[in-house]
Amino acid sequence: MASSTTSSYGQATRQRGAERRGPPAQHRERSCDPARAPRLLRPDRLAQLPERKLLSGLQEPIEAHQIFPRAVLDEFPGRNNEYIPDRLGNLTVLARSDEESLGEIAPDMYLRMIDARERTAHLIPEDDLLWAVRAYPAFCEQRERSIASMLRSLLFDLGVR
């Protein structure tokens, strides 16, 4: 009986994910309208955030976002063990509406439309050659170094040595 429960749960989870993401090739079909570019969580909004689970200036939840979506990485023919979608360097937080509007769009299509200050706030490398799927390992390595540096600075500022 446990296996049927697990199977039903797994099917329901996959179905909800498919409903949210749409058809697998959707990231290729979506166009990125600059007027609809997402507003990434900016540092100036942090002071306005409530001290609750719903963290955003827009009173909506934040979600973990894969900068390079799993579907985009899965379709890359040169994929190997370095192309793991849940690497720290591939994750950031966005407001739910921003996460949903990006869906499965490849970063080399949408990052150009994001304001440079917002990309910097999310520690996105400025080298747009790193935004291509083939450069995913280098993108993650550079962003992971930036995250580590930021965390070291934060801990130092808090007096943790």
Protein backbone atom coordinates (compact mmCIF):
# COMPACT_ATOMS: atom_id res chain seq x y z
CA MET A 1 0.00 0.00 0.00
CA ALA A 2 2.88 2.38 0.75
CA SER A 3 4.14 1.98 -2.79
CA SER A 4 0.77 3.00 -4.27
CA THR A 5 0.72 6.06 -2.02
CA THR A 6 4.23 6.96 -3.10
CA SER A 7 3.31 6.37 -6.73
CA SER A 8 0.19 8.54 -6.46
CA TYR A 9 2.17 11.25 -4.70
CA GLY A 10 4.88 11.11 -7.35
CA GLN A 11 2.32 11.32 -10.15
CA ALA A 12 0.56 14.26 -8.49
CA THR A 13 3.87 16.05 -7.98
CA ARG A 14 4.92 15.51 -11.60
CA GLN A 15 1.50 16.62 -12.82
CA ARG A 16 1.63 19.84 -10.77
CA GLY A 17 5.14 20.50 -12.06
CA ALA A 18 4.07 19.88 -15.65
CA GLU A 19 1.06 22.18 -15.24
CA ARG A 20 3.32 24.93 -13.91
CA ARG A 21 6.04 24.52 -16.51
CA GLY A 22 3.87 23.72 -19.52
CA PRO A 23 5.17 21.70 -22.45
CA PRO A 24 8.87 20.67 -22.32
CA ALA A 25 9.90 22.87 -25.25
CA GLN A 26 8.15 25.93 -23.84
CA HIS A 27 11.41 27.70 -23.00
CA ARG A 28 12.22 27.84 -26.70
CA GLU A 29 8.83 29.22 -27.66
CA ARG A 30 8.62 32.03 -25.11
CA SER A 31 9.70 35.43 -26.20
CA CYS A 32 11.26 37.78 -23.68
CA ASP A 33 9.38 41.06 -23.85
CA PRO A 34 11.55 43.72 -22.14
CA ALA A 35 8.39 45.36 -20.78
CA ARG A 36 7.63 42.13 -18.91
CA ALA A 37 11.17 41.51 -17.64
CA PRO A 38 11.10 40.26 -14.05
CA ARG A 39 11.91 42.52 -11.14
CA LEU A 40 14.50 40.58 -9.22
CA LEU A 41 14.59 40.99 -5.46
CA ARG A 42 16.66 44.14 -5.10
CA PRO A 43 18.76 45.14 -2.06
CA ASP A 44 16.70 48.32 -1.59
CA ARG A 45 13.63 46.11 -1.02
CA LEU A 46 15.30 44.14 1.77
CA ALA A 47 14.58 46.85 4.34
CA GLN A 48 10.89 46.61 3.49
CA LEU A 49 10.61 42.86 3.96
CA PRO A 50 8.31 41.57 6.69
CA GLU A 51 9.76 39.24 9.31
CA ARG A 52 7.55 36.36 8.23
CA LYS A 53 7.82 33.45 5.81
CA LEU A 54 6.40 35.58 3.00
CA LEU A 55 9.49 37.56 2.12
CA SER A 56 9.14 40.14 -0.60
CA GLY A 57 8.30 43.77 -1.00
CA LEU A 58 5.30 42.64 -3.03
CA GLN A 59 3.79 40.56 -0.20
CA GLU A 60 4.28 37.33 -2.11
CA PRO A 61 6.46 34.34 -1.30
CA ILE A 62 9.97 33.96 -2.60
CA GLU A 63 11.11 30.80 -4.31
CA ALA A 64 14.39 29.19 -5.20
CA HIS A 65 15.07 29.79 -8.88
CA GLN A 66 17.38 27.81 -11.12
CA ILE A 67 19.15 30.38 -13.27
CA PHE A 68 19.77 27.61 -15.81
CA PRO A 69 16.48 25.65 -15.69
CA ARG A 70 16.64 21.87 -15.45
CA ALA A 71 14.86 21.47 -18.82
CA VAL A 72 17.46 23.66 -20.53
CA LEU A 73 20.34 21.66 -19.02
CA ASP A 74 18.65 18.33 -19.82
CA GLU A 75 18.50 19.22 -23.51
CA PHE A 76 22.19 20.18 -23.75
CA PRO A 77 23.91 17.41 -25.76
CA GLY A 78 27.29 17.90 -24.06
CA ARG A 79 25.85 17.46 -20.57
CA ASN A 80 27.95 15.55 -18.05
CA ASN A 81 28.16 15.34 -14.24
CA GLU A 82 29.09 19.03 -13.99
CA TYR A 83 25.64 19.99 -15.32
CA ILE A 84 23.73 19.42 -12.05
CA PRO A 85 20.79 21.87 -11.92
CA ASP A 86 20.79 22.23 -8.12
CA ARG A 87 24.36 23.50 -7.78
CA LEU A 88 24.60 26.44 -5.40
CA GLY A 89 25.96 28.59 -8.22
CA ASN A 90 22.76 28.00 -10.20
CA LEU A 91 20.31 28.98 -7.45
CA THR A 92 18.95 32.36 -6.43
CA VAL A 93 15.73 33.59 -4.84
CA LEU A 94 12.97 35.41 -6.69
CA ALA A 95 9.45 36.51 -5.99
CA ARG A 96 7.02 33.80 -7.06
CA SER A 97 5.60 35.89 -9.93
CA ASP A 98 9.12 36.47 -11.31
CA GLU A 99 9.94 32.76 -11.01
CA GLU A 100 6.75 31.84 -12.86
CA SER A 101 7.27 34.44 -15.59
CA LEU A 102 10.76 33.09 -16.34
CA GLY A 103 9.63 29.48 -16.43
CA GLU A 104 12.15 27.49 -18.42
CA ILE A 105 13.74 30.31 -20.41
CA ALA A 106 17.48 29.93 -20.93
CA PRO A 107 19.54 32.61 -19.12
CA ASP A 108 21.28 33.80 -22.26
CA MET A 109 17.82 34.92 -23.42
CA TYR A 110 16.62 36.77 -20.30
CA LEU A 111 19.68 37.98 -18.36
CA ARG A 112 20.39 40.71 -20.91
CA MET A 113 17.04 42.31 -20.08
CA ILE A 114 17.74 42.39 -16.33
CA ASP A 115 19.21 45.62 -14.99
CA ALA A 116 22.96 45.29 -14.33
CA ARG A 117 22.51 46.37 -10.69
CA GLU A 118 20.01 43.57 -10.14
CA ARG A 119 22.31 41.03 -11.79
CA THR A 120 25.09 42.22 -9.48
CA ALA A 121 22.80 41.91 -6.44
CA HIS A 122 22.25 38.26 -7.39
CA LEU A 123 25.98 37.78 -8.04
CA ILE A 124 25.40 36.96 -11.71
CA PRO A 125 28.72 37.08 -13.60
CA GLU A 126 28.80 40.05 -15.99
CA ASP A 127 30.59 38.08 -18.71
CA ASP A 128 27.67 37.23 -21.00
CA LEU A 129 29.67 34.38 -22.55
CA LEU A 130 29.11 32.55 -19.24
CA TRP A 131 25.33 32.79 -19.72
CA ALA A 132 25.38 30.14 -22.47
CA VAL A 133 24.54 26.54 -21.52
CA ARG A 134 27.92 25.28 -22.74
CA ALA A 135 29.57 27.55 -20.12
CA TYR A 136 27.39 26.32 -17.24
CA PRO A 137 30.25 24.80 -15.16
CA ALA A 138 32.32 28.01 -15.43
CA PHE A 139 29.25 30.14 -14.63
CA CYS A 140 28.57 28.12 -11.47
CA GLU A 141 32.22 28.13 -10.39
CA GLN A 142 32.50 31.90 -10.74
CA ARG A 143 29.18 32.52 -8.99
CA GLU A 144 30.05 30.07 -6.17
CA ARG A 145 33.32 31.97 -5.59
CA SER A 146 31.34 35.22 -5.44
CA ILE A 147 28.86 33.72 -2.96
CA ALA A 148 31.70 32.42 -0.77
CA SER A 149 33.39 35.83 -0.83
CA MET A 150 30.15 37.59 0.08
CA LEU A 151 29.54 35.17 2.95
CA ARG A 152 33.10 35.64 4.25
CA SER A 153 32.58 39.42 4.21
CA LEU A 154 29.23 39.09 5.95
CA LEU A 155 30.66 36.87 8.67
CA PHE A 156 33.62 39.21 9.14
CA ASP A 157 31.22 42.18 9.45
CA LEU A 158 29.28 40.23 12.08
CA GLY A 159 32.50 39.63 14.02
CA VAL A 160 32.77 35.92 13.22
CA ARG A 161 36.36 35.01 12.53
